[in-house]
């Protein structure tokens, strides 16, 4: 994936992408299901990080549940 990114803090254009998952509500916390998926973009110069909500599939959530 090619992304033209400019850091809003220092204007640097080199970045690293990553991913994090988080629980949503009460029941997802109890059953340890990470229902929210975010893509991270981190500036290589100043480490400023932005989060973008990613689409997650129901099948991926079920798979995550059994793998934890």
N, C-alpha and C. Protein backbone atom coordinates (compact mmCIF):
# COMPACT_ATOMS: atom_id res chain seq x y z
N UNK A 1 0.86 -1.17 0.00
CA UNK A 1 0.00 0.00 0.00
C UNK A 1 0.90 1.23 0.00
N UNK A 2 0.63 2.14 -0.89
CA UNK A 2 1.40 3.37 -0.97
C UNK A 2 0.58 4.50 -0.37
N UNK A 3 1.14 5.12 0.63
CA UNK A 3 0.46 6.20 1.33
C UNK A 3 1.38 7.42 1.34
N UNK A 4 0.87 8.53 0.84
CA UNK A 4 1.65 9.76 0.92
C UNK A 4 1.26 10.43 2.23
N UNK A 5 2.16 10.38 3.18
CA UNK A 5 1.88 10.89 4.52
C UNK A 5 2.87 11.99 4.85
N UNK A 6 2.35 13.05 5.45
CA UNK A 6 3.20 14.12 5.97
C UNK A 6 2.81 14.33 7.42
N UNK A 7 3.79 14.24 8.30
CA UNK A 7 3.54 14.40 9.72
C UNK A 7 2.97 15.79 10.00
N UNK A 8 1.84 15.88 10.67
CA UNK A 8 1.26 17.19 10.97
C UNK A 8 2.07 17.99 11.99
N UNK A 9 2.98 17.32 12.68
CA UNK A 9 3.77 17.97 13.71
C UNK A 9 5.10 18.53 13.17
N UNK A 10 5.85 17.70 12.40
CA UNK A 10 7.17 18.13 11.95
C UNK A 10 7.32 18.17 10.43
N UNK A 11 6.27 17.77 9.70
CA UNK A 11 6.23 17.80 8.23
C UNK A 11 7.15 16.77 7.57
N UNK A 12 7.67 15.80 8.32
CA UNK A 12 8.51 14.74 7.77
C UNK A 12 7.64 13.78 6.97
N UNK A 13 8.17 13.14 5.93
CA UNK A 13 7.36 12.28 5.07
C UNK A 13 7.71 10.80 5.18
N UNK A 14 8.65 10.41 6.04
CA UNK A 14 8.99 9.01 6.23
C UNK A 14 8.22 8.51 7.45
N UNK A 15 7.60 7.35 7.32
CA UNK A 15 6.71 6.85 8.38
C UNK A 15 6.78 5.34 8.48
N UNK A 16 6.23 4.80 9.54
CA UNK A 16 6.06 3.37 9.73
C UNK A 16 4.59 3.11 10.02
N UNK A 17 4.07 2.01 9.47
CA UNK A 17 2.68 1.65 9.72
C UNK A 17 2.62 0.43 10.63
N UNK A 18 1.59 0.37 11.46
CA UNK A 18 1.39 -0.75 12.36
C UNK A 18 -0.09 -0.98 12.58
N UNK A 19 -0.40 -1.84 13.52
CA UNK A 19 -1.80 -2.19 13.80
C UNK A 19 -1.95 -2.48 15.28
N UNK A 20 -3.06 -2.03 15.86
CA UNK A 20 -3.40 -2.39 17.23
C UNK A 20 -4.87 -2.81 17.26
N UNK A 21 -5.21 -3.61 18.24
CA UNK A 21 -6.59 -4.03 18.45
C UNK A 21 -6.97 -3.72 19.88
N UNK A 22 -8.25 -3.39 20.07
CA UNK A 22 -8.73 -3.03 21.40
C UNK A 22 -10.12 -3.61 21.62
N UNK A 23 -10.48 -3.81 22.88
CA UNK A 23 -11.82 -4.29 23.19
C UNK A 23 -12.81 -3.15 23.07
N UNK A 24 -14.06 -3.50 22.93
CA UNK A 24 -15.10 -2.48 22.79
C UNK A 24 -15.87 -2.30 24.08
N UNK A 25 -16.89 -3.09 24.29
CA UNK A 25 -17.75 -2.94 25.46
C UNK A 25 -17.49 -3.97 26.54
N UNK A 26 -18.44 -4.08 27.44
CA UNK A 26 -18.33 -4.94 28.62
C UNK A 26 -18.09 -6.41 28.26
N UNK A 27 -18.93 -6.97 27.37
CA UNK A 27 -18.82 -8.40 27.06
C UNK A 27 -17.57 -8.72 26.27
N UNK A 28 -17.13 -7.81 25.42
CA UNK A 28 -15.89 -8.08 24.68
C UNK A 28 -14.69 -8.06 25.62
N UNK A 29 -14.77 -7.29 26.70
CA UNK A 29 -13.69 -7.29 27.69
C UNK A 29 -13.68 -8.60 28.46
N UNK A 30 -14.87 -9.11 28.83
CA UNK A 30 -14.96 -10.36 29.59
C UNK A 30 -14.40 -11.52 28.78
N UNK A 31 -14.78 -11.60 27.49
CA UNK A 31 -14.36 -12.72 26.65
C UNK A 31 -13.06 -12.45 25.89
N UNK A 32 -12.42 -11.32 26.17
CA UNK A 32 -11.14 -10.95 25.56
C UNK A 32 -11.22 -10.97 24.03
N UNK A 33 -12.26 -10.35 23.47
CA UNK A 33 -12.42 -10.24 22.03
C UNK A 33 -12.07 -8.81 21.64
N UNK A 34 -11.06 -8.67 20.79
CA UNK A 34 -10.65 -7.34 20.34
C UNK A 34 -11.52 -6.96 19.15
N UNK A 35 -12.59 -6.20 19.43
CA UNK A 35 -13.56 -5.88 18.39
C UNK A 35 -13.23 -4.62 17.61
N UNK A 36 -12.27 -3.85 18.07
CA UNK A 36 -11.89 -2.62 17.37
C UNK A 36 -10.46 -2.75 16.86
N UNK A 37 -10.29 -2.47 15.57
CA UNK A 37 -8.98 -2.58 14.95
C UNK A 37 -8.57 -1.20 14.44
N UNK A 38 -7.32 -0.82 14.71
CA UNK A 38 -6.82 0.49 14.29
C UNK A 38 -5.50 0.33 13.55
N UNK A 39 -5.31 1.13 12.52
CA UNK A 39 -4.05 1.21 11.82
C UNK A 39 -3.30 2.41 12.39
N UNK A 40 -2.01 2.23 12.66
CA UNK A 40 -1.19 3.32 13.19
C UNK A 40 -0.23 3.81 12.12
N UNK A 41 0.00 5.10 12.09
CA UNK A 41 1.02 5.71 11.24
C UNK A 41 1.91 6.53 12.16
N UNK A 42 3.20 6.14 12.23
CA UNK A 42 4.15 6.79 13.14
C UNK A 42 5.24 7.48 12.33
N UNK A 43 5.46 8.74 12.62
CA UNK A 43 6.51 9.52 11.97
C UNK A 43 7.88 8.96 12.37
N UNK A 44 8.74 8.74 11.39
CA UNK A 44 10.07 8.19 11.65
C UNK A 44 11.00 9.21 12.32
N UNK A 45 10.67 10.48 12.25
CA UNK A 45 11.53 11.51 12.83
C UNK A 45 11.15 11.86 14.26
N UNK A 46 9.89 12.20 14.51
CA UNK A 46 9.50 12.68 15.84
C UNK A 46 8.65 11.69 16.63
N UNK A 47 8.29 10.55 16.03
CA UNK A 47 7.49 9.47 16.65
C UNK A 47 6.04 9.85 16.91
N UNK A 48 5.57 10.95 16.35
CA UNK A 48 4.15 11.29 16.46
C UNK A 48 3.34 10.17 15.80
N UNK A 49 2.30 9.71 16.46
CA UNK A 49 1.51 8.58 15.96
C UNK A 49 0.05 8.96 15.83
N UNK A 50 -0.54 8.61 14.70
CA UNK A 50 -1.97 8.80 14.47
C UNK A 50 -2.62 7.44 14.36
N UNK A 51 -3.86 7.34 14.84
CA UNK A 51 -4.65 6.11 14.76
C UNK A 51 -5.78 6.31 13.77
N UNK A 52 -6.01 5.30 12.94
CA UNK A 52 -7.12 5.31 11.99
C UNK A 52 -7.91 4.03 12.18
N UNK A 53 -9.21 4.16 12.36
CA UNK A 53 -10.06 3.00 12.57
C UNK A 53 -10.11 2.18 11.28
N UNK A 54 -9.83 0.90 11.40
CA UNK A 54 -9.82 -0.01 10.26
C UNK A 54 -11.08 -0.87 10.29
N UNK A 55 -11.49 -1.32 9.15
CA UNK A 55 -12.63 -2.23 9.07
C UNK A 55 -12.18 -3.61 9.53
N UNK A 56 -12.95 -4.22 10.44
CA UNK A 56 -12.63 -5.58 10.87
C UNK A 56 -13.81 -6.47 10.54
N UNK A 57 -13.49 -7.68 10.12
CA UNK A 57 -14.55 -8.61 9.72
C UNK A 57 -15.00 -9.44 10.91
N UNK A 58 -16.22 -9.94 10.85
CA UNK A 58 -16.74 -10.81 11.90
C UNK A 58 -15.94 -12.10 11.97
N UNK A 59 -15.53 -12.63 10.81
CA UNK A 59 -14.74 -13.85 10.78
C UNK A 59 -13.39 -13.64 11.48
N UNK A 60 -12.77 -12.50 11.27
CA UNK A 60 -11.51 -12.17 11.94
C UNK A 60 -11.68 -12.10 13.44
N UNK A 61 -12.80 -11.55 13.91
CA UNK A 61 -13.06 -11.47 15.35
C UNK A 61 -13.23 -12.86 15.95
N UNK A 62 -13.92 -13.76 15.25
CA UNK A 62 -14.10 -15.13 15.74
C UNK A 62 -12.76 -15.84 15.80
N UNK A 63 -11.96 -15.67 14.76
CA UNK A 63 -10.63 -16.27 14.73
C UNK A 63 -9.78 -15.77 15.88
N UNK A 64 -9.81 -14.46 16.14
CA UNK A 64 -9.05 -13.88 17.25
C UNK A 64 -9.50 -14.45 18.58
N UNK A 65 -10.80 -14.68 18.74
CA UNK A 65 -11.34 -15.20 19.99
C UNK A 65 -10.73 -16.58 20.30
N UNK A 66 -10.65 -17.45 19.28
CA UNK A 66 -10.14 -18.80 19.50
C UNK A 66 -8.61 -18.85 19.59
N UNK A 67 -7.93 -17.86 19.07
CA UNK A 67 -6.47 -17.85 19.11
C UNK A 67 -5.92 -17.29 20.41
N UNK A 68 -6.69 -16.53 21.16
CA UNK A 68 -6.20 -15.93 22.42
C UNK A 68 -6.21 -16.90 23.55
